[in-house]
Protein backbone atom coordinates (compact mmCIF):
# COMPACT_ATOMS: atom_id res chain seq x y z
CA UNK A 1 -5.46 -28.10 25.86
CA UNK A 2 -8.50 -26.83 24.43
CA UNK A 3 -11.95 -29.02 25.29
CA UNK A 4 -13.17 -30.86 22.16
CA UNK A 5 -16.01 -29.37 21.30
CA UNK A 6 -19.21 -32.04 20.16
CA UNK A 7 -20.48 -31.32 17.12
CA UNK A 8 -24.32 -30.29 16.45
CA UNK A 9 -26.48 -28.57 14.05
CA UNK A 10 -28.87 -25.90 14.92
CA UNK A 11 -32.54 -27.79 16.38
CA UNK A 12 -35.05 -27.71 12.86
CA UNK A 13 -31.77 -27.64 10.81
CA UNK A 14 -30.72 -31.68 9.38
CA UNK A 15 -27.78 -33.44 7.17
CA UNK A 16 -28.18 -35.79 4.25
CA UNK A 17 -26.30 -38.43 2.95
CA UNK A 18 -25.30 -39.45 0.12
CA UNK A 19 -28.53 -41.93 0.12
CA UNK A 20 -31.43 -38.93 1.44
CA UNK A 21 -30.01 -36.51 -1.19
CA UNK A 22 -30.02 -39.10 -4.12
CA UNK A 23 -34.01 -39.09 -3.21
CA UNK A 24 -33.80 -35.39 -2.71
CA UNK A 25 -32.44 -35.00 -6.18
CA UNK A 26 -35.13 -37.29 -7.93
CA UNK A 27 -38.15 -34.92 -6.22
CA UNK A 28 -36.38 -31.60 -7.27
CA UNK A 29 -35.56 -33.33 -11.34
CA UNK A 30 -38.90 -34.72 -11.82
CA UNK A 31 -40.89 -30.92 -10.56
CA UNK A 32 -38.14 -29.33 -12.36
CA UNK A 33 -39.05 -31.28 -15.82
CA UNK A 34 -42.76 -30.54 -15.28
CA UNK A 35 -42.58 -27.37 -15.12
CA UNK A 36 -40.65 -26.77 -17.82
CA UNK A 37 -43.28 -28.74 -19.45
CA UNK A 38 -45.36 -26.38 -19.02
CA UNK A 39 -43.56 -23.61 -20.04
CA UNK A 40 -42.40 -22.28 -16.40
CA UNK A 41 -38.97 -20.86 -16.40
CA UNK A 42 -35.53 -20.86 -13.64
CA UNK A 43 -35.14 -17.86 -11.15
CA UNK A 44 -32.82 -17.71 -7.85
CA UNK A 45 -33.14 -14.67 -5.41
CA UNK A 46 -30.77 -13.92 -2.80
CA UNK A 47 -30.78 -16.21 0.61
CA UNK A 48 -31.75 -13.10 2.85
CA UNK A 49 -34.09 -10.36 2.31
CA UNK A 50 -34.40 -6.67 3.38
CA UNK A 51 -36.53 -7.01 6.68
CA UNK A 52 -38.81 -4.33 5.16
CA UNK A 53 -39.63 -6.70 2.10
CA UNK A 54 -40.72 -9.40 4.46
CA UNK A 55 -42.24 -7.74 7.24
CA UNK A 56 -46.04 -7.36 7.42
CA UNK A 57 -46.54 -9.86 4.18
CA UNK A 58 -47.44 -12.48 6.34
CA UNK A 59 -49.72 -11.60 9.08
CA UNK A 60 -48.93 -11.49 12.65
CA UNK A 61 -48.25 -15.69 13.02
CA UNK A 62 -45.61 -14.78 10.24
CA UNK A 63 -43.93 -12.34 11.38
CA UNK A 64 -43.13 -13.99 14.39
CA UNK A 65 -41.18 -16.76 13.21
CA UNK A 66 -39.00 -14.77 10.43
CA UNK A 67 -35.26 -15.17 11.25
CA UNK A 68 -34.09 -11.35 11.74
CA UNK A 69 -30.27 -11.36 10.71
CA UNK A 70 -28.04 -9.18 13.18
CA UNK A 71 -26.41 -5.71 11.50
CA UNK A 72 -22.70 -6.44 10.79
CA UNK A 73 -20.01 -4.96 13.59
CA UNK A 74 -21.89 -3.49 16.59
CA UNK A 75 -25.36 -3.56 15.73
CA UNK A 76 -26.90 -2.05 18.89
CA UNK A 77 -23.77 0.72 19.42
CA UNK A 78 -26.20 3.59 18.83
CA UNK A 79 -29.09 1.73 20.91
CA UNK A 80 -29.44 2.70 24.64
CA UNK A 81 -29.00 0.74 27.48
CA UNK A 82 -32.88 1.87 27.82
CA UNK A 83 -34.06 1.10 24.56
CA UNK A 84 -31.89 -2.25 25.23
CA UNK A 85 -33.34 -3.22 27.86
CA UNK A 86 -36.20 -3.05 25.94
CA UNK A 87 -35.28 -4.70 23.24
CA UNK A 88 -34.31 -8.11 24.52
CA UNK A 89 -35.70 -10.44 27.14
CA UNK A 90 -33.22 -12.42 28.67
CA UNK A 91 -33.06 -16.14 28.40
CA UNK A 92 -34.54 -17.98 30.81
CA UNK A 93 -38.14 -15.38 30.42
CA UNK A 94 -41.30 -16.95 31.12
CA UNK A 95 -44.57 -16.87 27.96
CA UNK A 96 -45.67 -14.52 31.03
CA UNK A 97 -42.76 -11.66 30.49
CA UNK A 98 -43.21 -11.72 26.71
CA UNK A 99 -47.03 -11.07 26.88
CA UNK A 100 -46.13 -8.56 29.79
CA UNK A 101 -43.40 -7.03 28.20
CA UNK A 102 -45.62 -5.31 25.03
CA UNK A 103 -42.92 -6.81 22.58
CA UNK A 104 -44.80 -7.13 19.48
CA UNK A 105 -43.00 -10.40 18.25
CA UNK A 106 -40.53 -12.02 16.95
CA UNK A 107 -39.43 -14.18 19.88
CA UNK A 108 -38.11 -17.86 19.63
CA UNK A 109 -38.74 -20.38 22.39
CA UNK A 110 -36.28 -23.03 23.07
CA UNK A 111 -37.27 -26.08 21.92
CA UNK A 112 -38.69 -27.46 25.45
CA UNK A 113 -40.18 -23.95 26.41
CA UNK A 114 -38.78 -23.61 29.12
CA UNK A 115 -37.70 -20.63 28.41
CA UNK A 116 -36.60 -17.77 25.25
CA UNK A 117 -33.57 -17.66 23.01
CA UNK A 118 -34.15 -14.21 21.84
CA UNK A 119 -37.00 -11.65 21.68
CA UNK A 120 -36.78 -9.37 18.68
CA UNK A 121 -39.65 -6.28 18.23
CA UNK A 122 -41.00 -6.42 15.04
CA UNK A 123 -41.41 -2.36 14.91
CA UNK A 124 -38.60 0.62 14.01
CA UNK A 125 -36.29 -0.33 17.06
CA UNK A 126 -35.85 -4.07 15.10
CA UNK A 127 -35.14 -2.28 12.13
CA UNK A 128 -32.58 -0.06 13.55
CA UNK A 129 -30.54 -2.95 14.82
CA UNK A 130 -32.05 -6.06 12.26
CA UNK A 131 -32.18 -4.26 8.65
CA UNK A 132 -32.11 -7.83 6.60
CA UNK A 133 -34.23 -11.51 7.28
CA UNK A 134 -34.08 -15.34 6.25
CA UNK A 135 -36.60 -15.26 3.20
CA UNK A 136 -39.66 -17.30 5.21
CA UNK A 137 -40.77 -18.11 1.74
CA UNK A 138 -40.68 -17.46 -1.87
CA UNK A 139 -43.74 -15.63 -3.25
CA UNK A 140 -42.92 -12.21 -1.70
CA UNK A 141 -39.35 -12.38 -3.06
CA UNK A 142 -40.67 -13.38 -5.98
CA UNK A 143 -43.00 -10.05 -5.90
CA UNK A 144 -40.12 -8.10 -5.19
CA UNK A 145 -38.35 -9.29 -7.96
CA UNK A 146 -41.06 -8.86 -10.10
CA UNK A 147 -41.42 -5.23 -9.25
CA UNK A 148 -37.35 -4.72 -9.43
CA UNK A 149 -37.06 -6.41 -13.18
CA UNK A 150 -40.17 -5.12 -14.84
CA UNK A 151 -38.36 -3.66 -17.97
CA UNK A 152 -36.43 -6.88 -18.51
CA UNK A 153 -39.32 -9.52 -17.74
CA UNK A 154 -42.80 -10.29 -20.24
CA UNK A 155 -45.95 -11.08 -19.13
CA UNK A 156 -47.13 -12.52 -18.10
CA UNK A 157 -44.43 -14.21 -16.81
CA UNK A 158 -44.17 -17.67 -15.54
CA UNK A 159 -41.63 -18.68 -13.00
CA UNK A 160 -40.38 -22.46 -11.18
CA UNK A 161 -38.07 -21.48 -8.22
CA UNK A 162 -36.68 -24.19 -6.01
CA UNK A 163 -34.48 -22.83 -3.13
CA UNK A 164 -34.62 -23.18 0.71
CA UNK A 165 -36.32 -20.92 3.04
CA UNK A 166 -36.14 -20.53 6.88
CA UNK A 167 -39.08 -19.74 9.75
CA UNK A 168 -38.40 -19.93 13.40
CA UNK A 169 -40.60 -22.29 14.32
CA UNK A 170 -40.65 -24.97 17.23
CA UNK A 171 -39.22 -28.28 15.53
CA UNK A 172 -41.46 -31.38 15.46
CA UNK A 173 -41.82 -33.83 12.94
CA UNK A 174 -42.54 -33.21 9.21
CA UNK A 175 -41.72 -29.29 10.40
CA UNK A 176 -38.19 -27.50 9.93
CA UNK A 177 -37.08 -24.03 10.63
CA UNK A 178 -34.50 -25.33 7.32
CA UNK A 179 -37.00 -26.68 4.62
CA UNK A 180 -37.15 -26.57 0.73
CA UNK A 181 -39.42 -25.51 -1.60
CA UNK A 182 -40.05 -25.91 -4.96
CA UNK A 183 -42.63 -22.58 -6.48
CA UNK A 184 -44.42 -22.26 -9.62
CA UNK A 185 -46.28 -19.18 -10.14
CA UNK A 186 -47.58 -16.95 -13.20
CA UNK A 187 -47.91 -13.80 -12.92
CA UNK A 188 -49.34 -10.62 -14.86
CA UNK A 189 -53.02 -12.66 -16.16
CA UNK A 190 -56.04 -13.84 -14.74
CA UNK A 191 -57.01 -16.31 -16.57
CA UNK A 192 -58.27 -19.32 -14.72
CA UNK A 193 -56.52 -22.02 -17.10
CA UNK A 194 -53.53 -20.33 -14.56
CA UNK A 195 -55.37 -21.52 -11.72
CA UNK A 196 -56.11 -24.88 -14.12
CA UNK A 197 -52.20 -25.30 -14.98
CA UNK A 198 -51.62 -25.40 -11.57
CA UNK A 199 -53.95 -28.56 -10.94
CA UNK A 200 -52.39 -30.08 -13.68
CA UNK A 201 -49.19 -29.55 -12.64
CA UNK A 202 -50.23 -31.39 -9.50
CA UNK A 203 -51.58 -33.95 -10.92
CA UNK A 204 -48.72 -34.81 -13.34
CA UNK A 205 -46.08 -34.05 -10.54
CA UNK A 206 -47.85 -36.71 -8.28
CA UNK A 207 -48.88 -39.30 -10.36
CA UNK A 208 -44.64 -39.28 -11.73
CA UNK A 209 -44.63 -40.17 -8.01
CA UNK A 210 -47.21 -42.65 -7.96
CA UNK A 211 -48.24 -40.69 -4.77
CA UNK A 212 -51.97 -40.21 -4.37
CA UNK A 213 -53.44 -37.63 -3.31
CA UNK A 214 -56.85 -34.72 -2.94
CA UNK A 215 -56.26 -31.38 -4.43
CA UNK A 216 -58.34 -29.17 -2.10
CA UNK A 217 -59.93 -26.01 -3.58
CA UNK A 218 -61.14 -23.17 -1.83
CA UNK A 219 -61.60 -19.47 -2.78
CA UNK A 220 -60.69 -16.36 -0.48
CA UNK A 221 -63.55 -14.20 -2.21
CA UNK A 222 -66.02 -16.91 -0.74
CA UNK A 223 -64.48 -16.29 2.18
CA UNK A 224 -64.48 -12.49 2.90
CA UNK A 225 -68.25 -12.99 1.95
CA UNK A 226 -68.84 -15.68 4.70
CA UNK A 227 -67.21 -12.90 6.96
CA UNK A 228 -69.06 -10.37 6.02
CA UNK A 229 -72.94 -11.78 6.14
CA UNK A 230 -71.07 -13.35 9.60
CA UNK A 231 -71.47 -9.27 10.10
CA UNK A 232 -66.90 -9.47 10.76
CA UNK A 233 -65.78 -7.98 7.84
CA UNK A 234 -63.07 -7.07 9.81
CA UNK A 235 -62.47 -9.47 11.24
CA UNK A 236 -61.30 -11.79 8.08
CA UNK A 237 -57.69 -12.43 9.06
CA UNK A 238 -58.60 -13.20 12.84
CA UNK A 239 -61.63 -15.20 11.46
CA UNK A 240 -59.24 -17.57 8.61
CA UNK A 241 -56.60 -17.82 10.68
CA UNK A 242 -58.94 -19.66 13.12
CA UNK A 243 -60.58 -21.29 10.41
CA UNK A 244 -56.64 -22.91 9.11
CA UNK A 245 -56.75 -24.34 12.62
CA UNK A 246 -59.40 -26.34 12.48
CA UNK A 247 -57.71 -30.16 11.42
CA UNK A 248 -55.03 -29.86 14.06
CA UNK A 249 -57.50 -28.50 16.73
CA UNK A 250 -61.36 -29.24 16.11
CA UNK A 251 -64.42 -27.47 15.02
CA UNK A 252 -64.71 -27.02 18.71
CA UNK A 253 -61.41 -25.32 19.57
CA UNK A 254 -62.00 -23.08 16.71
CA UNK A 255 -65.43 -22.13 17.76
CA UNK A 256 -63.80 -20.87 21.15
CA UNK A 257 -60.51 -18.98 19.31
CA UNK A 258 -63.27 -16.85 17.15
CA UNK A 259 -65.16 -16.38 19.76
CA UNK A 260 -61.94 -14.26 22.12
CA UNK A 261 -61.13 -12.75 18.45
CA UNK A 262 -64.83 -11.21 19.20
CA UNK A 263 -67.23 -12.75 16.61
CA UNK A 264 -70.49 -13.65 18.69
CA UNK A 265 -72.47 -16.83 18.88
CA UNK A 266 -75.21 -15.82 15.78
CA UNK A 267 -72.02 -15.09 13.10
CA UNK A 268 -70.67 -18.64 14.18
CA UNK A 269 -74.13 -20.65 13.30
CA UNK A 270 -73.92 -18.74 9.87
CA UNK A 271 -70.39 -20.25 9.25
CA UNK A 272 -70.27 -23.90 11.19
CA UNK A 273 -72.70 -25.43 8.51
CA UNK A 274 -70.13 -24.51 6.08
CA UNK A 275 -66.86 -25.77 7.86
CA UNK A 276 -68.86 -29.26 8.64
CA UNK A 277 -70.62 -30.08 5.07
CA UNK A 278 -70.12 -32.67 3.35
CA UNK A 279 -70.94 -33.31 -0.32
CA UNK A 280 -70.43 -33.70 -3.79
CA UNK A 281 -68.67 -30.46 -5.94
CA UNK A 282 -72.20 -29.33 -6.93
CA UNK A 283 -74.08 -29.75 -3.72
CA UNK A 284 -71.36 -27.81 -1.97
CA UNK A 285 -71.71 -25.35 -4.60
CA UNK A 286 -75.14 -24.80 -3.61
CA UNK A 287 -74.64 -24.61 -0.63
CA UNK A 288 -71.92 -21.48 -0.54
CA UNK A 289 -74.20 -19.95 -3.16
CA UNK A 290 -77.25 -19.74 -0.95
CA UNK A 291 -75.01 -18.82 2.11
CA UNK A 292 -73.03 -16.02 0.62
CA UNK A 293 -75.71 -15.01 -1.84
CA UNK A 294 -75.97 -11.26 0.31
CA UNK A 295 -71.86 -10.65 -0.28
CA UNK A 296 -71.24 -9.37 -3.95
CA UNK A 297 -67.37 -10.79 -3.03
CA UNK A 298 -69.19 -14.21 -2.10
CA UNK A 299 -70.80 -14.35 -4.79
CA UNK A 300 -67.70 -13.57 -7.71
CA UNK A 301 -65.60 -16.53 -5.64
CA UNK A 302 -68.44 -18.76 -6.38
CA UNK A 303 -68.19 -17.88 -9.97
CA UNK A 304 -64.56 -18.44 -10.36
CA UNK A 305 -64.93 -22.00 -8.42
CA UNK A 306 -67.86 -23.04 -10.85
CA UNK A 307 -65.42 -22.22 -13.63
CA UNK A 308 -62.60 -23.76 -12.29
CA UNK A 309 -64.14 -26.46 -12.04
CA UNK A 310 -65.50 -26.79 -15.21
CA UNK A 311 -62.01 -26.28 -16.64
CA UNK A 312 -61.02 -28.89 -14.26
CA UNK A 313 -63.81 -31.67 -15.36
CA UNK A 314 -62.56 -30.86 -19.63
CA UNK A 315 -59.34 -30.98 -18.56
CA UNK A 316 -59.38 -35.00 -17.32
CA UNK A 317 -57.49 -34.54 -13.89
CA UNK A 318 -56.83 -38.01 -12.64
CA UNK A 319 -56.15 -36.93 -9.41
CA UNK A 320 -58.69 -36.41 -6.26
CA UNK A 321 -60.08 -32.54 -6.46
CA UNK A 322 -62.18 -31.48 -4.25
CA UNK A 323 -64.13 -28.03 -2.27
CA UNK A 324 -63.10 -27.70 1.06
CA UNK A 325 -65.14 -25.00 2.54
CA UNK A 326 -62.85 -24.91 5.54
CA UNK A 327 -59.86 -24.20 3.35
CA UNK A 328 -58.40 -20.81 4.50
CA UNK A 329 -54.81 -20.22 4.02
CA UNK A 330 -54.01 -18.08 6.78
CA UNK A 331 -51.37 -16.48 4.20
CA UNK A 332 -53.01 -12.73 4.20
CA UNK A 333 -52.09 -12.27 0.73
CA UNK A 334 -54.15 -14.69 -0.92
CA UNK A 335 -57.05 -13.30 -2.55
CA UNK A 336 -58.83 -15.75 -4.98
CA UNK A 337 -58.69 -19.46 -5.31
CA UNK A 338 -56.11 -21.33 -2.52
CA UNK A 339 -55.30 -24.42 -2.83
CA UNK A 340 -53.79 -27.25 -0.57
CA UNK A 341 -52.92 -30.76 -0.98
CA UNK A 342 -52.30 -33.67 1.17
CA UNK A 343 -51.32 -37.41 0.68
CA UNK A 344 -54.28 -39.93 0.37
CA UNK A 345 -52.29 -43.05 2.01
CA UNK A 346 -49.76 -41.60 4.10
CA UNK A 347 -50.33 -39.28 7.62
CA UNK A 348 -48.87 -36.23 6.93
CA UNK A 349 -49.87 -32.24 6.64
CA UNK A 350 -50.71 -30.42 3.59
CA UNK A 351 -47.96 -31.52 0.80
CA UNK A 352 -48.44 -28.95 -1.66
CA UNK A 353 -50.22 -25.44 -0.94
CA UNK A 354 -51.03 -22.06 -2.93
CA UNK A 355 -53.49 -19.24 -4.27
CA UNK A 356 -54.09 -16.43 -5.72
CA UNK A 357 -52.89 -13.03 -5.22
CA UNK A 358 -53.76 -10.04 -6.79
CA UNK A 359 -51.84 -6.91 -5.61
CA UNK A 360 -48.44 -8.36 -3.50
CA UNK A 361 -46.39 -6.43 -5.89
CA UNK A 362 -48.58 -3.59 -4.90
CA UNK A 363 -46.43 -3.01 -2.20
CA UNK A 364 -43.37 -2.71 -3.59
CA UNK A 365 -45.02 0.17 -6.11
CA UNK A 366 -46.62 -2.11 -8.60
CA UNK A 367 -50.22 -2.74 -8.62
CA UNK A 368 -52.77 -4.46 -10.07
CA UNK A 369 -51.00 -6.68 -11.23
CA UNK A 370 -52.39 -10.47 -10.16
CA UNK A 371 -50.66 -13.85 -10.28
CA UNK A 372 -51.22 -17.83 -8.76
CA UNK A 373 -48.79 -19.92 -8.03
CA UNK A 374 -48.05 -23.16 -6.01
CA UNK A 375 -45.29 -24.68 -3.11
CA UNK A 376 -44.52 -27.96 -3.46
CA UNK A 377 -42.95 -28.62 -0.04
CA UNK A 378 -39.78 -31.38 -1.02
CA UNK A 379 -39.27 -32.36 2.50
CA UNK A 380 -42.83 -33.84 3.12
CA UNK A 381 -42.69 -35.10 -0.03
CA UNK A 382 -39.40 -37.32 0.36
CA UNK A 383 -41.23 -38.16 3.88
CA UNK A 384 -44.46 -39.96 1.68
CA UNK A 385 -42.22 -41.20 -0.97
CA UNK A 386 -40.20 -43.25 1.65
CA UNK A 387 -43.07 -44.06 3.67
CA UNK A 388 -45.06 -45.44 0.31
CA UNK A 389 -41.44 -47.40 -0.31
CA UNK A 390 -42.11 -44.76 -3.88
CA UNK A 391 -38.73 -44.14 -4.97
CA UNK A 392 -37.63 -45.93 -8.09
CA UNK A 393 -34.25 -47.92 -7.37
CA UNK A 394 -32.48 -46.17 -9.91
CA UNK A 395 -33.18 -42.60 -8.95
CA UNK A 396 -31.34 -43.80 -5.62
CA UNK A 397 -28.46 -45.63 -6.88
CA UNK A 398 -25.19 -43.99 -6.91
CA UNK A 399 -22.43 -46.33 -8.40
CA UNK A 400 -23.72 -49.05 -11.01
CA UNK A 401 -20.30 -50.30 -10.89
CA UNK A 402 -17.09 -51.09 -8.75
CA UNK A 403 -14.14 -52.30 -10.84
CA UNK A 404 -11.78 -54.57 -8.37
CA UNK A 405 -7.57 -53.46 -7.59
CA UNK A 406 -6.37 -56.45 -7.65
CA UNK A 407 -2.23 -54.98 -8.82
CA UNK A 408 -1.13 -52.52 -10.67
CA UNK A 409 -1.29 -54.36 -14.03
CA UNK A 410 -4.78 -54.99 -13.33
CA UNK A 411 -6.16 -51.66 -12.80
CA UNK A 412 -3.99 -51.18 -16.13
CA UNK A 413 -6.54 -53.40 -17.74
CA UNK A 414 -9.45 -52.46 -16.28
CA UNK A 415 -9.18 -48.53 -17.21
CA UNK A 416 -9.65 -48.50 -20.60
CA UNK A 417 -13.28 -50.31 -19.02
CA UNK A 418 -14.11 -47.48 -16.74
CA UNK A 419 -13.51 -44.60 -19.67
CA UNK A 420 -15.73 -46.78 -22.10
CA UNK A 421 -18.39 -47.57 -18.92
CA UNK A 422 -18.68 -43.59 -18.21
CA UNK A 423 -18.72 -42.76 -21.83
CA UNK A 424 -22.48 -45.00 -21.58
CA UNK A 425 -23.88 -43.13 -18.55
CA UNK A 426 -22.81 -45.78 -16.09
CA UNK A 427 -21.47 -44.82 -12.95
CA UNK A 428 -18.29 -46.86 -12.43
CA UNK A 429 -15.76 -46.47 -9.86
CA UNK A 430 -11.98 -48.16 -9.89
CA UNK A 431 -11.79 -49.15 -5.87
CA UNK A 432 -8.20 -47.39 -4.53
CA UNK A 433 -5.90 -49.69 -2.76
CA UNK A 434 -4.87 -53.10 -2.99
CA UNK A 435 -6.86 -54.90 -0.67
CA UNK A 436 -7.83 -58.24 -0.13
CA UNK A 437 -11.28 -58.81 -2.53
CA UNK A 438 -13.18 -59.58 0.88
CA UNK A 439 -12.81 -55.46 1.94
CA UNK A 440 -13.49 -54.49 -2.07
CA UNK A 441 -16.83 -56.69 -1.46
CA UNK A 442 -17.69 -55.16 1.36
CA UNK A 443 -16.92 -51.70 0.33
CA UNK A 444 -19.52 -52.55 -2.48
CA UNK A 445 -22.34 -53.52 -0.23
CA UNK A 446 -22.06 -51.02 2.39
CA UNK A 447 -22.30 -48.38 -0.92
CA UNK A 448 -25.47 -50.18 -2.72
CA UNK A 449 -23.20 -51.07 -5.83
CA UNK A 450 -24.65 -53.71 -7.56
CA UNK A 451 -22.27 -54.86 -10.37
CA UNK A 452 -18.55 -55.94 -8.62
CA UNK A 453 -16.29 -56.53 -11.91
CA UNK A 454 -13.18 -58.44 -11.27
CA UNK A 455 -10.44 -59.16 -13.23
CA UNK A 456 -7.19 -60.48 -12.00
CA UNK A 457 -3.69 -62.37 -13.84
CA UNK A 458 -5.56 -64.70 -15.50
CA UNK A 459 -8.83 -62.77 -16.87
CA UNK A 460 -5.93 -59.92 -17.85
CA UNK A 461 -4.32 -63.13 -20.55
CA UNK A 462 -7.74 -63.95 -21.62
CA UNK A 463 -9.27 -60.52 -22.12
CA UNK A 464 -12.30 -60.98 -19.45
CA UNK A 465 -13.77 -59.82 -16.89
CA UNK A 466 -15.63 -61.77 -14.21
CA UNK A 467 -18.88 -59.74 -13.38
CA UNK A 468 -21.01 -60.59 -9.97
CA UNK A 469 -24.19 -59.64 -9.45
CA UNK A 470 -24.02 -58.95 -5.54
CA UNK A 471 -28.13 -58.94 -5.70
CA UNK A 472 -28.46 -61.93 -6.81
CA UNK A 473 -24.67 -63.66 -6.77
CA UNK A 474 -24.75 -65.13 -10.18
CA UNK A 475 -21.38 -64.50 -11.40
CA UNK A 476 -20.97 -64.14 -15.40
CA UNK A 477 -17.02 -64.65 -17.29
CA UNK A 478 -17.51 -61.87 -20.07
CA UNK A 479 -15.22 -60.57 -22.91
CA UNK A 480 -13.69 -57.02 -21.60
CA UNK A 481 -15.01 -55.78 -25.02
CA UNK A 482 -18.35 -56.69 -24.21
CA UNK A 483 -18.68 -55.89 -21.18
CA UNK A 484 -20.30 -51.98 -20.80
CA UNK A 485 -22.75 -53.68 -23.67
CA UNK A 486 -23.62 -56.48 -20.75
CA UNK A 487 -23.81 -54.31 -17.75
CA UNK A 488 -26.04 -51.68 -20.27
């Protein structure tokens, strides 16, 4: 007898119940409606991209988190045994074994970090057996789409995209290997009105959700200017990666990481007051203006920040907006304004993030096309809405009315009513089996159906129905001809 397999799903992925899907669809429908209101159009891109499209766009840390897809067939047929041994480090290898091997990344640790599931080198050898990878985000595929379809689209091109992405991260609370992003981008325009529009979209979306947030803004040009005046312009990536961890590991650990990357004490002393300063928007602008005054790039970033906050003041944004000079956004492709959104009344990481990228399409052969966008993290937004009990009741309610099944004649009596209810937009079900009323009541209660319509022989004769409100327990006899109005 074949062994029964215990059902399971990969770590970092989830099943969603009907109630959870109702909540998720509420999120998707809300952000979609706001995106459309601002003139953005939908596109979709494949789950898999060519690995060459993805590699090198997210920095070294991002490349390690790419899920690579083995070529179909015998992917290793052209690989010699010597190459194969360098390519794969077997399970239960330690971190030290990986580091000694000299492999460049792409490895994925087991959840308990006792061993390694797989190690894939991110060099040419990797590309020989893995030509494709699951997309890490929606922005790089969007840039590829723009270049590939540049003769079909009109610039500025405004698009939104709601699809899943995959990252080979260690699963933990609020961090998954498969999750949805809701992206909105405009490309082909350098106007800061586009940045303002993203702030307005965030403001409206979270206003609808009833979530108080803080929209944090910085500028990568300012960060480049800081690296210059610190004396380490070539270490911008290392500096921003370390800065991006400040909320998680604290200032001392950020300093230690930067010193380990070659930044000296003098350089960090220039950065430290910027990271720790708290004050008004004007005070922060005055501080950073003074710190980067000797950097042309830094000065340009300050001017962009001043202009953007001037527009925000004029637009009457309701949510809290602040300059966060420690905000770095570690992705390499950002070049201008960067955004991060955090919930104020619920402890969780950022629920939105994005920024300006000036030449992402240049990698694919279309240089000097600037874009800016922001991504809503649907999974974390779901957690916030759940934690704050902010889901509207009707958003997560499925069936509104259950019609009883007493016998064949009562079902025939109720079927026209079911048709009228659905035509009116009221979701309803007819209980499929002739069962005791207690069982039908239990079905309605367990499925959170608020109304139960009962019709037996006497109701058929009097052309009425009994409508029971399962939340209040109140039961009302209503003429069947008026039932849809009573429930509408």
